[in-house]
């Protein structure tokens, strides 16, 4: 069995998360690398000399470029697939993770969105089960999709739990 088929939903297609998740994470990356890079450059310039400040700025630019690429790659790794009896959630670049959440094991479903997420028009769906190891989250969903998924999963979980 090839490694790619291990993480492929049989007969299904992965639903991607919104590109706005990538945009939000890149804005956060730019803010923090800019702020910390500027502070480190000023400190290096005042304490060691302005040549060191230029080196700090160059390192901050490299970190920013690497982070920009990594955020995009991580964003593309997120996906979910709804099947008849369970929900599949996958993510990860270096370490791929596939979580299978049976509908009958779901206890409740949360939809959350902080101020930054609301500004970018996205929300996160958090699935809670009896076993914390099978809890899953799907970040970066449009609010309408998060609400639809929450309602569908809650209804399916209730129907499957009633049949136990």
C-alpha atoms as a PDB file:
ATOM      1  CA  UNK A   1       0.000   0.000   0.000  1.00  0.00           C
ATOM      2  CA  UNK A   2       1.438   3.383  -0.992  1.00  0.00           C
ATOM      3  CA  UNK A   3       1.733   6.052   1.692  1.00  0.00           C
ATOM      4  CA  UNK A   4      -0.563   8.425  -0.254  1.00  0.00           C
ATOM      5  CA  UNK A   5      -3.392   5.884  -0.235  1.00  0.00           C
ATOM      6  CA  UNK A   6      -3.063   5.566   3.553  1.00  0.00           C
ATOM      7  CA  UNK A   7      -4.315   9.138   3.897  1.00  0.00           C
ATOM      8  CA  UNK A   8      -6.804   9.114   1.010  1.00  0.00           C
ATOM      9  CA  UNK A   9     -10.493   8.786   1.876  1.00  0.00           C
ATOM     10  CA  UNK A  10     -11.779   5.733  -0.012  1.00  0.00           C
ATOM     11  CA  UNK A  11     -14.098   6.919  -2.776  1.00  0.00           C
ATOM     12  CA  UNK A  12     -14.216  10.420  -1.339  1.00  0.00           C
ATOM     13  CA  UNK A  13     -12.528  13.718  -2.037  1.00  0.00           C
ATOM     14  CA  UNK A  14     -10.867  15.795   0.664  1.00  0.00           C
ATOM     15  CA  UNK A  15     -12.639  19.075   1.344  1.00  0.00           C
ATOM     16  CA  UNK A  16      -9.991  21.795   1.763  1.00  0.00           C
ATOM     17  CA  UNK A  17     -10.120  24.585   4.321  1.00  0.00           C
ATOM     18  CA  UNK A  18     -10.473  28.219   3.286  1.00  0.00           C
ATOM     19  CA  UNK A  19      -7.471  30.092   1.821  1.00  0.00           C
ATOM     20  CA  UNK A  20      -8.298  32.820   4.342  1.00  0.00           C
ATOM     21  CA  UNK A  21      -6.698  30.596   7.014  1.00  0.00           C
ATOM     22  CA  UNK A  22      -3.419  30.876   5.115  1.00  0.00           C
ATOM     23  CA  UNK A  23      -3.847  34.652   4.807  1.00  0.00           C
ATOM     24  CA  UNK A  24      -4.524  35.016   8.542  1.00  0.00           C
ATOM     25  CA  UNK A  25      -1.509  32.944   9.522  1.00  0.00           C
ATOM     26  CA  UNK A  26       0.718  34.905   7.149  1.00  0.00           C
ATOM     27  CA  UNK A  27      -0.475  38.212   8.602  1.00  0.00           C
ATOM     28  CA  UNK A  28       0.333  36.907  12.090  1.00  0.00           C
ATOM     29  CA  UNK A  29       3.745  35.738  10.848  1.00  0.00           C
ATOM     30  CA  UNK A  30       4.473  39.146   9.308  1.00  0.00           C
ATOM     31  CA  UNK A  31       3.418  40.971  12.475  1.00  0.00           C
ATOM     32  CA  UNK A  32       5.548  38.882  14.837  1.00  0.00           C
ATOM     33  CA  UNK A  33       8.656  38.567  12.651  1.00  0.00           C
ATOM     34  CA  UNK A  34       8.487  42.288  11.901  1.00  0.00           C
ATOM     35  CA  UNK A  35       8.034  43.269  15.540  1.00  0.00           C
ATOM     36  CA  UNK A  36      10.630  40.894  16.954  1.00  0.00           C
ATOM     37  CA  UNK A  37      13.050  41.491  14.086  1.00  0.00           C
ATOM     38  CA  UNK A  38      12.837  45.262  14.547  1.00  0.00           C
ATOM     39  CA  UNK A  39      13.298  45.000  18.319  1.00  0.00           C
ATOM     40  CA  UNK A  40      16.272  42.651  17.918  1.00  0.00           C
ATOM     41  CA  UNK A  41      17.819  44.860  15.224  1.00  0.00           C
ATOM     42  CA  UNK A  42      17.538  47.993  17.374  1.00  0.00           C
ATOM     43  CA  UNK A  43      18.950  46.166  20.399  1.00  0.00           C
ATOM     44  CA  UNK A  44      21.841  44.748  18.326  1.00  0.00           C
ATOM     45  CA  UNK A  45      22.492  48.147  16.786  1.00  0.00           C
ATOM     46  CA  UNK A  46      22.602  49.941  20.121  1.00  0.00           C
ATOM     47  CA  UNK A  47      24.596  47.280  21.975  1.00  0.00           C
ATOM     48  CA  UNK A  48      26.883  45.793  19.318  1.00  0.00           C
ATOM     49  CA  UNK A  49      26.880  48.104  16.318  1.00  0.00           C
ATOM     50  CA  UNK A  50      24.734  48.750  13.275  1.00  0.00           C
ATOM     51  CA  UNK A  51      26.492  46.083  11.223  1.00  0.00           C
ATOM     52  CA  UNK A  52      25.034  43.507  13.582  1.00  0.00           C
ATOM     53  CA  UNK A  53      21.627  45.143  13.223  1.00  0.00           C
ATOM     54  CA  UNK A  54      21.821  44.588   9.458  1.00  0.00           C
ATOM     55  CA  UNK A  55      22.661  40.919  10.084  1.00  0.00           C
ATOM     56  CA  UNK A  56      19.656  40.606  12.393  1.00  0.00           C
ATOM     57  CA  UNK A  57      17.405  42.118   9.708  1.00  0.00           C
ATOM     58  CA  UNK A  58      18.770  39.625   7.156  1.00  0.00           C
ATOM     59  CA  UNK A  59      18.085  36.712   9.528  1.00  0.00           C
ATOM     60  CA  UNK A  60      14.565  38.032  10.216  1.00  0.00           C
ATOM     61  CA  UNK A  61      13.945  38.221   6.452  1.00  0.00           C
ATOM     62  CA  UNK A  62      15.086  34.605   6.023  1.00  0.00           C
ATOM     63  CA  UNK A  63      12.868  33.473   8.888  1.00  0.00           C
ATOM     64  CA  UNK A  64       9.947  35.357   7.363  1.00  0.00           C
ATOM     65  CA  UNK A  65      10.494  33.793   3.924  1.00  0.00           C
ATOM     66  CA  UNK A  66      10.776  30.290   5.370  1.00  0.00           C
ATOM     67  CA  UNK A  67       7.684  30.857   7.539  1.00  0.00           C
ATOM     68  CA  UNK A  68       5.697  32.183   4.559  1.00  0.00           C
ATOM     69  CA  UNK A  69       6.442  28.994   2.623  1.00  0.00           C
ATOM     70  CA  UNK A  70       5.757  26.768   5.636  1.00  0.00           C
ATOM     71  CA  UNK A  71       2.387  28.407   6.378  1.00  0.00           C
ATOM     72  CA  UNK A  72       1.239  27.788   2.806  1.00  0.00           C
ATOM     73  CA  UNK A  73       2.369  24.199   2.899  1.00  0.00           C
ATOM     74  CA  UNK A  74       0.654  23.588   6.249  1.00  0.00           C
ATOM     75  CA  UNK A  75      -2.573  25.197   5.018  1.00  0.00           C
ATOM     76  CA  UNK A  76      -2.662  22.872   1.990  1.00  0.00           C
ATOM     77  CA  UNK A  77      -2.293  19.828   4.263  1.00  0.00           C
ATOM     78  CA  UNK A  78      -5.646  20.374   6.030  1.00  0.00           C
ATOM     79  CA  UNK A  79      -8.691  18.511   4.754  1.00  0.00           C
ATOM     80  CA  UNK A  80     -11.777  16.635   5.843  1.00  0.00           C
ATOM     81  CA  UNK A  81     -14.167  14.118   4.326  1.00  0.00           C
ATOM     82  CA  UNK A  82     -17.659  13.188   5.486  1.00  0.00           C
ATOM     83  CA  UNK A  83     -18.489   9.519   5.095  1.00  0.00           C
ATOM     84  CA  UNK A  84     -21.538   7.451   6.007  1.00  0.00           C
ATOM     85  CA  UNK A  85     -20.396   6.473   9.497  1.00  0.00           C
ATOM     86  CA  UNK A  86     -17.503   8.770  10.316  1.00  0.00           C
ATOM     87  CA  UNK A  87     -15.648  11.989   9.624  1.00  0.00           C
ATOM     88  CA  UNK A  88     -12.038  11.950   8.436  1.00  0.00           C
ATOM     89  CA  UNK A  89      -9.711  14.844   9.257  1.00  0.00           C
ATOM     90  CA  UNK A  90      -6.142  15.040   7.973  1.00  0.00           C
ATOM     91  CA  UNK A  91      -3.349  17.551   8.432  1.00  0.00           C
ATOM     92  CA  UNK A  92       0.399  17.818   8.774  1.00  0.00           C
ATOM     93  CA  UNK A  93       3.340  18.215   6.465  1.00  0.00           C
ATOM     94  CA  UNK A  94       6.257  16.419   8.054  1.00  0.00           C
ATOM     95  CA  UNK A  95       4.109  14.223  10.278  1.00  0.00           C
ATOM     96  CA  UNK A  96       0.808  13.422   8.524  1.00  0.00           C
ATOM     97  CA  UNK A  97      -2.133  12.798  10.823  1.00  0.00           C
ATOM     98  CA  UNK A  98      -5.401  11.113   9.950  1.00  0.00           C
ATOM     99  CA  UNK A  99      -8.143  11.206  12.580  1.00  0.00           C
ATOM    100  CA  UNK A 100     -11.250   9.087  12.072  1.00  0.00           C
ATOM    101  CA  UNK A 101     -14.155  10.248  14.242  1.00  0.00           C
ATOM    102  CA  UNK A 102     -17.165   7.876  14.270  1.00  0.00           C
ATOM    103  CA  UNK A 103     -20.395   9.862  14.425  1.00  0.00           C
ATOM    104  CA  UNK A 104     -21.719   7.722  17.275  1.00  0.00           C
ATOM    105  CA  UNK A 105     -18.705   8.624  19.467  1.00  0.00           C
ATOM    106  CA  UNK A 106     -19.201  12.388  19.213  1.00  0.00           C
ATOM    107  CA  UNK A 107     -20.342  14.021  22.414  1.00  0.00           C
ATOM    108  CA  UNK A 108     -20.506  17.606  21.235  1.00  0.00           C
ATOM    109  CA  UNK A 109     -19.322  19.906  18.473  1.00  0.00           C
ATOM    110  CA  UNK A 110     -18.002  23.447  19.071  1.00  0.00           C
ATOM    111  CA  UNK A 111     -17.686  26.258  16.573  1.00  0.00           C
ATOM    112  CA  UNK A 112     -15.298  29.016  17.661  1.00  0.00           C
ATOM    113  CA  UNK A 113     -13.926  32.159  16.065  1.00  0.00           C
ATOM    114  CA  UNK A 114     -11.666  34.668  17.792  1.00  0.00           C
ATOM    115  CA  UNK A 115     -11.366  38.314  16.753  1.00  0.00           C
ATOM    116  CA  UNK A 116      -8.722  37.630  14.103  1.00  0.00           C
ATOM    117  CA  UNK A 117     -10.698  34.709  12.666  1.00  0.00           C
ATOM    118  CA  UNK A 118     -13.871  36.788  12.531  1.00  0.00           C
ATOM    119  CA  UNK A 119     -11.982  39.587  10.749  1.00  0.00           C
ATOM    120  CA  UNK A 120     -10.884  37.073   8.098  1.00  0.00           C
ATOM    121  CA  UNK A 121     -14.310  35.406   7.921  1.00  0.00           C
ATOM    122  CA  UNK A 122     -13.347  31.957   9.185  1.00  0.00           C
ATOM    123  CA  UNK A 123     -14.207  29.685  12.108  1.00  0.00           C
ATOM    124  CA  UNK A 124     -12.947  26.471  13.699  1.00  0.00           C
ATOM    125  CA  UNK A 125     -15.024  23.329  14.260  1.00  0.00           C
ATOM    126  CA  UNK A 126     -13.913  21.296  17.299  1.00  0.00           C
ATOM    127  CA  UNK A 127     -15.174  17.723  17.698  1.00  0.00           C
ATOM    128  CA  UNK A 128     -15.250  16.221  21.187  1.00  0.00           C
ATOM    129  CA  UNK A 129     -15.523  12.479  21.783  1.00  0.00           C
ATOM    130  CA  UNK A 130     -15.442  10.214  24.816  1.00  0.00           C
ATOM    131  CA  UNK A 131     -11.779   9.511  24.070  1.00  0.00           C
ATOM    132  CA  UNK A 132      -9.574  12.631  23.855  1.00  0.00           C
ATOM    133  CA  UNK A 133      -7.288  10.828  21.393  1.00  0.00           C
ATOM    134  CA  UNK A 134     -10.044  10.942  18.766  1.00  0.00           C
ATOM    135  CA  UNK A 135     -10.920  14.604  19.292  1.00  0.00           C
ATOM    136  CA  UNK A 136     -10.371  16.588  16.114  1.00  0.00           C
ATOM    137  CA  UNK A 137     -10.525  20.141  14.872  1.00  0.00           C
ATOM    138  CA  UNK A 138     -10.991  21.697  11.472  1.00  0.00           C
ATOM    139  CA  UNK A 139      -9.717  25.299  11.363  1.00  0.00           C
ATOM    140  CA  UNK A 140     -10.307  27.822   8.623  1.00  0.00           C
ATOM    141  CA  UNK A 141     -13.862  27.069   7.571  1.00  0.00           C
ATOM    142  CA  UNK A 142     -16.219  29.750   6.262  1.00  0.00           C
ATOM    143  CA  UNK A 143     -18.867  30.426   8.964  1.00  0.00           C
ATOM    144  CA  UNK A 144     -21.673  28.988   6.815  1.00  0.00           C
ATOM    145  CA  UNK A 145     -19.755  25.735   6.283  1.00  0.00           C
ATOM    146  CA  UNK A 146     -18.833  25.568   9.982  1.00  0.00           C
ATOM    147  CA  UNK A 147     -22.514  25.949  10.945  1.00  0.00           C
ATOM    148  CA  UNK A 148     -23.612  23.360   8.379  1.00  0.00           C
ATOM    149  CA  UNK A 149     -20.961  20.906   9.520  1.00  0.00           C
ATOM    150  CA  UNK A 150     -21.802  21.486  13.197  1.00  0.00           C
ATOM    151  CA  UNK A 151     -25.517  20.859  12.616  1.00  0.00           C
ATOM    152  CA  UNK A 152     -24.899  17.798  10.429  1.00  0.00           C
ATOM    153  CA  UNK A 153     -22.381  16.245  12.817  1.00  0.00           C
ATOM    154  CA  UNK A 154     -24.554  16.921  15.850  1.00  0.00           C
ATOM    155  CA  UNK A 155     -27.579  15.327  14.149  1.00  0.00           C
ATOM    156  CA  UNK A 156     -25.569  12.320  12.961  1.00  0.00           C
ATOM    157  CA  UNK A 157     -23.936  11.900  16.365  1.00  0.00           C
ATOM    158  CA  UNK A 158     -27.299  12.027  18.109  1.00  0.00           C
ATOM    159  CA  UNK A 159     -28.831   9.517  15.680  1.00  0.00           C
ATOM    160  CA  UNK A 160     -25.887   7.096  15.974  1.00  0.00           C
ATOM    161  CA  UNK A 161     -25.714   7.393  19.788  1.00  0.00           C
ATOM    162  CA  UNK A 162     -29.412   6.675  20.080  1.00  0.00           C
ATOM    163  CA  UNK A 163     -28.871   3.419  18.188  1.00  0.00           C
ATOM    164  CA  UNK A 164     -26.271   2.128  20.701  1.00  0.00           C
END
